[in-house]
Amino acid sequence: MKNLQEYGNIESSLDYFLKFNIPKKAKILDIGCSYGTLINNLYKLGYKNVYGIDINKEVIIQGKKKYKFIKNRLKIYNGINIPFQNEIFDVILMFDVIEHIPQVEIFLKEQVFRILKKNRIFIFQTPNKHINIPWEIIQHKSFTKYKKYHCSLQTYLNLKKILIQSGFKDIKLEKYNIKTEHNINKIKVKLGVFGIFLLNIISIMPLVFQSNFFGSGRK
């Protein structure tokens, strides 16, 4: 089967996860896993207790065909209720997902927080609202199209607020490497050499002006 084209930056997501030194025996759920490329990479690194869910039936079907070792760990869900029991996971991952969920503050509080074990960790990445909106307008040549799929874009302050309201503690939002092959190729297609210059500028800006927020919180 040909390579599956992931929209998310798997390279950054994997690198960010690894910096937490999560034990190999941890039970991990990737919400919005798409084809399951990230958890397949984790499986190959020794994380055998991995699961992924996504609302897109087609990507789950394709992922099951491509990634044989985790095919029984990939599940379709309705985007509202996570199909797992309370306090069952050691790690919850949400990379490039928060921005897609309507009323995400309710989802975080009633679903993500619910299935995470006490004192365990939620790891995520989501675009910065102030940077993402101009980018989406340029990319799609529309002032409104982004609202259909990025309905819950967050600023630094608002993201921290909803995490606190959802019950998380030890919340950490931080900068992380955005100058990856995925981002360079993506921005080069749309903005050419100027895009690379812009990416370099954003990478050295303070956290509140970063293109993406990487972070974590504990239950």
Protein backbone atom coordinates (compact mmCIF):
# COMPACT_ATOMS: atom_id res chain seq x y z
CA MET A 1 0.00 0.00 0.00
CA LYS A 2 1.21 3.51 -0.80
CA ASN A 3 2.22 5.89 1.96
CA LEU A 4 -0.69 7.55 3.75
CA GLN A 5 -0.72 11.34 3.63
CA GLU A 6 -1.14 12.67 7.14
CA TYR A 7 -2.22 16.30 7.56
CA GLY A 8 -0.60 16.61 10.97
CA ASN A 9 3.09 17.00 11.71
CA ILE A 10 3.91 13.48 12.86
CA GLU A 11 7.61 14.30 13.24
CA SER A 12 6.98 17.06 15.79
CA SER A 13 4.28 15.10 17.60
CA LEU A 14 6.53 12.08 18.06
CA ASP A 15 9.52 14.16 19.14
CA TYR A 16 7.43 16.09 21.65
CA PHE A 17 5.94 12.94 23.12
CA LEU A 18 9.36 11.34 23.57
CA LYS A 19 10.67 14.21 25.66
CA PHE A 20 8.30 13.19 28.49
CA ASN A 21 10.07 9.84 28.95
CA ILE A 22 6.81 7.95 29.24
CA PRO A 23 7.27 4.34 30.46
CA LYS A 24 6.90 1.74 27.69
CA LYS A 25 4.14 -0.04 29.63
CA ALA A 26 1.89 3.06 29.68
CA LYS A 27 -1.60 2.79 28.21
CA ILE A 28 -1.87 5.54 25.59
CA LEU A 29 -4.80 6.95 23.61
CA ASP A 30 -4.39 9.22 20.58
CA ILE A 31 -7.60 11.19 20.02
CA GLY A 32 -8.00 12.23 16.39
CA CYS A 33 -5.42 9.65 15.35
CA SER A 34 -6.23 9.82 11.62
CA TYR A 35 -4.64 6.73 9.98
CA GLY A 36 -2.79 5.89 13.19
CA THR A 37 0.67 6.80 11.95
CA LEU A 38 1.75 8.30 15.28
CA ILE A 39 0.72 5.34 17.41
CA ASN A 40 2.18 2.95 14.86
CA ASN A 41 5.51 4.74 15.31
CA LEU A 42 5.11 4.49 19.08
CA TYR A 43 4.34 0.78 18.76
CA LYS A 44 7.57 0.25 16.80
CA LEU A 45 9.44 2.05 19.60
CA GLY A 46 8.14 -0.40 22.17
CA TYR A 47 4.87 1.21 23.31
CA LYS A 48 2.65 -1.82 22.81
CA ASN A 49 -0.39 -0.56 24.75
CA VAL A 50 -1.50 2.11 22.28
CA TYR A 51 -4.94 3.02 20.94
CA GLY A 52 -6.33 5.56 18.50
CA ILE A 53 -9.77 6.95 17.74
CA ASP A 54 -11.05 9.18 14.94
CA ILE A 55 -14.41 10.32 13.61
CA ASN A 56 -13.34 9.71 10.00
CA LYS A 57 -14.34 6.17 9.07
CA GLU A 58 -12.27 6.13 5.88
CA VAL A 59 -8.94 6.98 7.54
CA ILE A 60 -9.51 4.31 10.19
CA ILE A 61 -10.23 1.71 7.49
CA GLN A 62 -7.09 2.71 5.58
CA GLY A 63 -5.04 2.74 8.76
CA LYS A 64 -6.15 -0.78 9.64
CA LYS A 65 -5.02 -1.97 6.20
CA LYS A 66 -1.67 -0.20 6.42
CA TYR A 67 -0.69 -0.79 10.03
CA LYS A 68 -1.28 -4.48 10.70
CA PHE A 69 0.17 -4.57 14.22
CA ILE A 70 -2.23 -1.93 15.55
CA LYS A 71 -5.27 -2.59 13.38
CA ASN A 72 -7.31 -3.78 16.36
CA ARG A 73 -6.35 -0.67 18.32
CA LEU A 74 -7.89 1.79 15.83
CA LYS A 75 -11.52 2.72 16.41
CA ILE A 76 -14.14 5.00 14.89
CA TYR A 77 -16.05 7.19 17.36
CA ASN A 78 -18.78 9.81 17.14
CA GLY A 79 -16.64 12.80 18.17
CA ILE A 80 -18.70 13.33 21.31
CA ASN A 81 -18.37 10.34 23.62
CA ILE A 82 -15.00 8.61 23.93
CA PRO A 83 -15.73 4.85 23.91
CA PHE A 84 -13.63 3.92 26.95
CA GLN A 85 -14.22 3.54 30.68
CA ASN A 86 -13.32 6.13 33.32
CA GLU A 87 -9.69 6.50 34.41
CA ILE A 88 -8.27 3.88 32.08
CA PHE A 89 -5.38 5.67 30.32
CA ASP A 90 -1.97 6.82 31.51
CA VAL A 91 -1.49 9.20 28.59
CA ILE A 92 -3.94 11.04 26.34
CA LEU A 93 -2.62 12.61 23.13
CA MET A 94 -4.35 15.29 21.06
CA PHE A 95 -2.16 16.72 18.31
CA ASP A 96 -3.87 19.13 15.89
CA VAL A 97 -7.27 18.16 17.30
CA ILE A 98 -8.40 20.70 19.91
CA GLU A 99 -9.11 23.29 17.21
CA HIS A 100 -11.55 20.96 15.40
CA ILE A 101 -13.90 20.16 18.32
CA PRO A 102 -17.03 22.30 18.89
CA GLN A 103 -17.38 23.32 22.55
CA VAL A 104 -13.97 21.81 23.18
CA GLU A 105 -13.99 22.94 26.81
CA ILE A 106 -16.88 20.53 27.49
CA PHE A 107 -15.13 17.71 25.63
CA LEU A 108 -11.95 18.19 27.64
CA LYS A 109 -13.80 18.29 30.95
CA GLU A 110 -16.36 15.53 30.40
CA GLN A 111 -14.41 13.13 28.17
CA VAL A 112 -10.64 13.60 28.18
CA PHE A 113 -10.42 14.26 31.92
CA ARG A 114 -12.80 11.37 32.60
CA ILE A 115 -10.76 8.62 30.92
CA LEU A 116 -7.37 9.77 32.26
CA LYS A 117 -6.05 8.12 35.41
CA LYS A 118 -5.28 10.32 38.42
CA ASN A 119 -1.87 12.00 38.29
CA ARG A 120 -1.43 10.91 34.67
CA ILE A 121 -0.73 13.17 31.72
CA PHE A 122 -2.54 14.86 28.83
CA ILE A 123 -0.18 15.91 25.99
CA PHE A 124 -1.31 18.13 23.13
CA GLN A 125 -0.54 20.60 20.39
CA THR A 126 -2.90 23.11 18.80
CA PRO A 127 -2.53 26.15 16.51
CA ASN A 128 -2.35 29.69 17.86
CA LYS A 129 -5.56 31.48 16.89
CA HIS A 130 -3.78 34.75 16.09
CA ILE A 131 -1.38 33.06 13.67
CA ASN A 132 -3.63 30.36 12.25
CA ILE A 133 -6.49 32.57 11.07
CA PRO A 134 -4.33 34.68 8.69
CA TRP A 135 -2.65 31.50 7.44
CA GLU A 136 -5.98 29.78 6.72
CA ILE A 137 -7.29 32.89 4.94
CA ILE A 138 -4.21 32.94 2.71
CA GLN A 139 -4.31 29.19 2.14
CA HIS A 140 -7.97 28.97 1.13
CA LYS A 141 -8.49 32.52 -0.15
CA SER A 142 -11.53 32.85 2.09
CA PHE A 143 -12.29 34.84 5.23
CA THR A 144 -14.79 32.29 6.54
CA LYS A 145 -13.93 28.78 5.31
CA TYR A 146 -11.61 28.05 8.23
CA LYS A 147 -14.53 28.39 10.67
CA LYS A 148 -16.00 25.12 9.39
CA TYR A 149 -13.03 23.01 10.44
CA HIS A 150 -11.15 25.21 12.95
CA CYS A 151 -14.09 26.05 15.16
CA SER A 152 -12.17 26.08 18.45
CA LEU A 153 -8.94 27.97 17.81
CA GLN A 154 -7.27 29.14 21.00
CA THR A 155 -5.14 32.03 22.19
CA TYR A 156 -2.50 31.40 24.86
CA LEU A 157 -4.65 32.80 27.67
CA ASN A 158 -7.87 31.10 26.61
CA LEU A 159 -6.20 27.72 26.17
CA LYS A 160 -4.77 27.89 29.66
CA LYS A 161 -8.15 28.97 31.01
CA ILE A 162 -10.11 26.05 29.53
CA LEU A 163 -7.50 23.56 30.72
CA ILE A 164 -7.83 24.88 34.28
CA GLN A 165 -11.62 24.82 34.03
CA SER A 166 -11.47 21.23 32.77
CA GLY A 167 -9.71 20.22 35.98
CA PHE A 168 -6.11 19.84 34.82
CA LYS A 169 -3.19 20.84 37.01
CA ASP A 170 0.55 21.35 36.45
CA ILE A 171 -0.35 22.90 33.11
CA LYS A 172 2.56 23.73 30.86
CA LEU A 173 2.39 25.56 27.52
CA GLU A 174 5.61 25.91 25.60
CA LYS A 175 7.44 26.56 22.36
CA TYR A 176 8.69 23.63 20.38
CA ASN A 177 10.52 23.17 17.10
CA ILE A 178 8.36 24.31 14.18
CA LYS A 179 11.13 24.27 11.59
CA THR A 180 10.45 20.69 10.55
CA GLU A 181 10.41 19.27 7.04
CA HIS A 182 6.61 19.10 7.18
CA ASN A 183 6.20 22.80 8.01
CA ILE A 184 8.92 23.98 5.64
CA ASN A 185 7.38 22.14 2.70
CA LYS A 186 3.88 23.30 3.61
CA ILE A 187 4.70 26.98 3.87
CA LYS A 188 7.08 26.94 0.88
CA VAL A 189 4.27 25.75 -1.39
CA LYS A 190 2.05 28.67 -0.41
CA LEU A 191 4.51 31.52 0.21
CA GLY A 192 7.79 30.46 -1.41
CA VAL A 193 11.06 31.84 -0.03
CA PHE A 194 9.17 34.49 1.93
CA GLY A 195 7.39 31.69 3.78
CA ILE A 196 10.69 30.23 4.98
CA PHE A 197 11.77 33.67 6.17
CA LEU A 198 8.47 34.06 8.01
CA LEU A 199 8.83 30.63 9.63
CA ASN A 200 12.28 31.57 10.91
CA ILE A 201 10.93 34.81 12.40
CA ILE A 202 8.00 33.07 14.13
CA SER A 203 10.31 30.41 15.59
CA ILE A 204 12.24 33.01 17.62
CA MET A 205 9.20 34.96 18.80
CA PRO A 206 7.80 34.69 22.36
CA LEU A 207 5.37 31.87 23.11
CA VAL A 208 2.23 33.97 22.67
CA PHE A 209 3.25 34.62 19.04
CA GLN A 210 4.19 31.05 18.15
CA SER A 211 2.26 29.34 15.36
CA ASN A 212 1.45 26.39 17.63
CA PHE A 213 1.14 25.75 21.34
CA PHE A 214 2.63 22.51 22.65
CA GLY A 215 1.70 21.54 26.16
CA SER A 216 0.63 19.16 28.86
CA GLY A 217 -1.46 18.92 31.99
CA ARG A 218 -2.08 16.34 34.69
CA LYS A 219 -5.24 15.06 36.29
